[in-house]
């Protein structure tokens, strides 16, 4: 598995954690994020408010097309549902 290039801040309460323990934790975090950071889960957790058309876009196909663009059109807002 290719290791993604990301910055993770991991806070550990155990002061006796060694380098091998931290490496194992980071490997598990990367594997977990690799499986859950998909376009499907992104589309489930987000919606687009399009003020130009007075619409809320929640369906996966149009939402994924909008999310893949470099920039949103004016007055289109990508909102997290949480």
N, C-alpha and C. Protein backbone atom coordinates (compact mmCIF):
# COMPACT_ATOMS: atom_id res chain seq x y z
N UNK A 1 0.84 -1.17 0.00
CA UNK A 1 0.00 0.00 0.00
C UNK A 1 0.89 1.24 0.00
N UNK A 2 0.57 2.18 -0.87
CA UNK A 2 1.33 3.41 -0.95
C UNK A 2 0.96 4.30 0.23
N UNK A 3 1.95 4.80 0.94
CA UNK A 3 1.70 5.66 2.07
C UNK A 3 1.35 7.05 1.56
N UNK A 4 0.17 7.57 1.94
CA UNK A 4 -0.21 8.89 1.47
C UNK A 4 0.64 9.97 2.15
N UNK A 5 0.78 11.06 1.45
CA UNK A 5 1.55 12.17 1.97
C UNK A 5 0.59 13.07 2.75
N UNK A 6 0.54 12.92 4.05
CA UNK A 6 -0.36 13.72 4.87
C UNK A 6 0.31 14.04 6.19
N UNK A 7 -0.17 15.09 6.82
CA UNK A 7 0.32 15.48 8.13
C UNK A 7 -0.70 15.04 9.17
N UNK A 8 -0.25 14.26 10.12
CA UNK A 8 -1.12 13.81 11.21
C UNK A 8 -0.54 14.28 12.53
N UNK A 9 -1.39 14.80 13.38
CA UNK A 9 -0.99 15.16 14.72
C UNK A 9 -1.57 14.10 15.64
N UNK A 10 -0.72 13.33 16.28
CA UNK A 10 -1.16 12.24 17.15
C UNK A 10 -0.72 12.58 18.57
N UNK A 11 -1.70 12.71 19.44
CA UNK A 11 -1.41 12.98 20.85
C UNK A 11 -1.51 11.69 21.63
N UNK A 12 -0.47 11.37 22.39
CA UNK A 12 -0.42 10.12 23.13
C UNK A 12 -0.25 10.45 24.61
N UNK A 13 -1.10 9.85 25.44
CA UNK A 13 -1.01 10.08 26.87
C UNK A 13 0.14 9.30 27.50
N UNK A 14 0.47 8.18 26.91
CA UNK A 14 1.50 7.31 27.46
C UNK A 14 2.87 7.91 27.19
N UNK A 15 3.57 8.33 28.21
CA UNK A 15 4.88 8.94 28.02
C UNK A 15 5.97 7.93 27.71
N UNK A 16 5.66 6.64 27.89
CA UNK A 16 6.64 5.59 27.64
C UNK A 16 6.50 4.98 26.25
N UNK A 17 5.73 5.62 25.38
CA UNK A 17 5.54 5.11 24.02
C UNK A 17 6.86 5.23 23.25
N UNK A 18 7.27 4.13 22.65
CA UNK A 18 8.53 4.15 21.90
C UNK A 18 8.26 4.40 20.42
N UNK A 19 9.32 4.44 19.66
CA UNK A 19 9.24 4.73 18.23
C UNK A 19 8.46 3.65 17.47
N UNK A 20 8.64 2.40 17.85
CA UNK A 20 7.95 1.30 17.19
C UNK A 20 6.44 1.39 17.44
N UNK A 21 6.05 1.75 18.65
CA UNK A 21 4.63 1.91 18.97
C UNK A 21 4.02 3.03 18.14
N UNK A 22 4.71 4.16 18.03
CA UNK A 22 4.19 5.29 17.25
C UNK A 22 4.10 4.94 15.77
N UNK A 23 5.08 4.20 15.27
CA UNK A 23 5.06 3.79 13.87
C UNK A 23 3.88 2.86 13.59
N UNK A 24 3.59 1.97 14.52
CA UNK A 24 2.46 1.06 14.37
C UNK A 24 1.14 1.83 14.42
N UNK A 25 1.03 2.81 15.31
CA UNK A 25 -0.18 3.63 15.40
C UNK A 25 -0.42 4.42 14.12
N UNK A 26 0.63 5.00 13.58
CA UNK A 26 0.49 5.77 12.34
C UNK A 26 0.12 4.87 11.17
N UNK A 27 0.67 3.68 11.13
CA UNK A 27 0.33 2.72 10.07
C UNK A 27 -1.15 2.35 10.15
N UNK A 28 -1.66 2.11 11.34
CA UNK A 28 -3.07 1.77 11.51
C UNK A 28 -3.98 2.94 11.15
N UNK A 29 -3.58 4.16 11.54
CA UNK A 29 -4.36 5.34 11.18
C UNK A 29 -4.40 5.54 9.67
N UNK A 30 -3.27 5.40 9.02
CA UNK A 30 -3.24 5.54 7.56
C UNK A 30 -4.10 4.49 6.87
N UNK A 31 -4.06 3.26 7.36
CA UNK A 31 -4.88 2.20 6.77
C UNK A 31 -6.36 2.48 6.98
N UNK A 32 -6.72 2.94 8.16
CA UNK A 32 -8.12 3.28 8.45
C UNK A 32 -8.60 4.41 7.56
N UNK A 33 -7.82 5.46 7.45
CA UNK A 33 -8.20 6.61 6.62
C UNK A 33 -8.24 6.24 5.14
N UNK A 34 -7.36 5.35 4.71
CA UNK A 34 -7.35 4.92 3.32
C UNK A 34 -8.68 4.26 2.94
N UNK A 35 -9.24 3.48 3.86
CA UNK A 35 -10.48 2.77 3.57
C UNK A 35 -11.72 3.67 3.68
N UNK A 36 -11.65 4.71 4.48
CA UNK A 36 -12.84 5.54 4.70
C UNK A 36 -12.83 6.86 3.96
N UNK A 37 -11.71 7.28 3.43
CA UNK A 37 -11.67 8.51 2.65
C UNK A 37 -11.95 8.20 1.19
N UNK A 38 -13.19 7.91 0.89
CA UNK A 38 -13.61 7.61 -0.48
C UNK A 38 -14.59 8.67 -0.95
N UNK A 39 -14.82 8.74 -2.23
CA UNK A 39 -15.77 9.70 -2.78
C UNK A 39 -17.18 9.38 -2.31
N UNK A 40 -17.48 8.10 -2.13
CA UNK A 40 -18.81 7.71 -1.66
C UNK A 40 -19.07 8.24 -0.25
N UNK A 41 -18.12 8.07 0.64
CA UNK A 41 -18.31 8.57 2.01
C UNK A 41 -18.30 10.09 2.04
N UNK A 42 -17.51 10.72 1.15
CA UNK A 42 -17.51 12.18 1.05
C UNK A 42 -18.88 12.69 0.63
N UNK A 43 -19.47 12.04 -0.38
CA UNK A 43 -20.78 12.47 -0.87
C UNK A 43 -21.89 12.20 0.15
N UNK A 44 -21.71 11.20 0.98
CA UNK A 44 -22.69 10.93 2.02
C UNK A 44 -22.66 12.02 3.09
N UNK A 45 -21.49 12.57 3.36
CA UNK A 45 -21.33 13.53 4.45
C UNK A 45 -21.45 14.99 4.02
N UNK A 46 -21.59 15.26 2.72
CA UNK A 46 -21.63 16.64 2.24
C UNK A 46 -22.84 16.89 1.35
N UNK A 47 -23.15 18.16 1.15
CA UNK A 47 -24.16 18.58 0.20
C UNK A 47 -23.74 19.94 -0.35
N UNK A 48 -24.33 20.32 -1.47
CA UNK A 48 -23.99 21.59 -2.11
C UNK A 48 -25.23 22.47 -2.11
N UNK A 49 -25.07 23.68 -1.59
CA UNK A 49 -26.12 24.69 -1.71
C UNK A 49 -25.81 25.51 -2.95
N UNK A 50 -26.70 25.47 -3.92
CA UNK A 50 -26.53 26.23 -5.16
C UNK A 50 -27.54 27.37 -5.13
N UNK A 51 -27.06 28.55 -4.77
CA UNK A 51 -27.93 29.72 -4.66
C UNK A 51 -28.37 30.19 -6.04
N UNK A 52 -27.57 29.93 -7.08
CA UNK A 52 -27.92 30.35 -8.44
C UNK A 52 -29.20 29.67 -8.92
N UNK A 53 -29.35 28.39 -8.60
CA UNK A 53 -30.51 27.62 -9.05
C UNK A 53 -31.51 27.36 -7.93
N UNK A 54 -31.21 27.87 -6.72
CA UNK A 54 -32.06 27.65 -5.54
C UNK A 54 -32.28 26.16 -5.30
N UNK A 55 -31.16 25.40 -5.28
CA UNK A 55 -31.23 23.95 -5.10
C UNK A 55 -30.24 23.51 -4.03
N UNK A 56 -30.58 22.40 -3.41
CA UNK A 56 -29.65 21.69 -2.54
C UNK A 56 -29.35 20.37 -3.22
N UNK A 57 -28.08 20.13 -3.52
CA UNK A 57 -27.69 18.93 -4.25
C UNK A 57 -27.16 17.91 -3.25
N UNK A 58 -27.83 16.76 -3.19
CA UNK A 58 -27.44 15.70 -2.26
C UNK A 58 -27.12 14.38 -2.95
N UNK A 59 -27.46 14.25 -4.21
CA UNK A 59 -27.23 12.97 -4.90
C UNK A 59 -25.74 12.83 -5.25
N UNK A 60 -25.30 11.59 -5.30
CA UNK A 60 -23.87 11.29 -5.40
C UNK A 60 -23.23 11.75 -6.71
N UNK A 61 -23.86 11.49 -7.83
CA UNK A 61 -23.22 11.79 -9.11
C UNK A 61 -22.98 13.29 -9.31
N UNK A 62 -24.00 14.14 -9.18
CA UNK A 62 -23.72 15.57 -9.36
C UNK A 62 -22.80 16.13 -8.27
N UNK A 63 -22.92 15.61 -7.07
CA UNK A 63 -22.07 16.08 -5.97
C UNK A 63 -20.60 15.73 -6.21
N UNK A 64 -20.36 14.53 -6.71
CA UNK A 64 -18.97 14.14 -6.99
C UNK A 64 -18.40 14.94 -8.16
N UNK A 65 -19.23 15.27 -9.15
CA UNK A 65 -18.76 16.09 -10.26
C UNK A 65 -18.40 17.50 -9.78
N UNK A 66 -19.19 18.05 -8.90
CA UNK A 66 -18.92 19.38 -8.36
C UNK A 66 -17.68 19.36 -7.49
N UNK A 67 -17.52 18.31 -6.68
CA UNK A 67 -16.38 18.23 -5.77
C UNK A 67 -15.06 18.04 -6.51
N UNK A 68 -15.09 17.45 -7.69
CA UNK A 68 -13.87 17.22 -8.45
C UNK A 68 -13.37 18.46 -9.18
N UNK A 69 -14.21 19.48 -9.27
CA UNK A 69 -13.78 20.71 -9.93
C UNK A 69 -12.69 21.41 -9.12
N UNK A 70 -11.91 22.20 -9.82
CA UNK A 70 -10.84 22.96 -9.16
C UNK A 70 -11.44 24.04 -8.25
N UNK A 71 -12.47 24.73 -8.74
CA UNK A 71 -13.13 25.78 -7.98
C UNK A 71 -14.64 25.62 -8.13
N UNK A 72 -15.37 26.02 -7.10
CA UNK A 72 -16.82 26.03 -7.20
C UNK A 72 -17.25 27.29 -7.96
N UNK A 73 -18.40 27.21 -8.59
CA UNK A 73 -18.95 28.39 -9.25
C UNK A 73 -19.35 29.39 -8.17
N UNK A 74 -19.50 30.66 -8.54
CA UNK A 74 -19.95 31.64 -7.54
C UNK A 74 -21.31 31.26 -6.96
N UNK A 75 -21.45 31.43 -5.68
CA UNK A 75 -22.66 31.15 -4.92
C UNK A 75 -23.03 29.68 -4.90
N UNK A 76 -22.05 28.81 -4.99
CA UNK A 76 -22.21 27.39 -4.71
C UNK A 76 -21.39 27.11 -3.46
N UNK A 77 -22.01 26.48 -2.48
CA UNK A 77 -21.36 26.26 -1.21
C UNK A 77 -21.36 24.78 -0.87
N UNK A 78 -20.20 24.24 -0.57
CA UNK A 78 -20.05 22.85 -0.16
C UNK A 78 -20.17 22.81 1.36
N UNK A 79 -21.19 22.11 1.85
CA UNK A 79 -21.52 22.11 3.28
C UNK A 79 -21.40 20.69 3.82
N UNK A 80 -20.79 20.57 5.00
CA UNK A 80 -20.74 19.28 5.70
C UNK A 80 -22.05 19.09 6.45
N UNK A 81 -22.64 17.93 6.35
CA UNK A 81 -23.93 17.66 6.98
C UNK A 81 -23.86 17.48 8.49
N UNK A 82 -22.68 17.22 9.00
CA UNK A 82 -22.57 16.96 10.45
C UNK A 82 -22.88 18.20 11.21
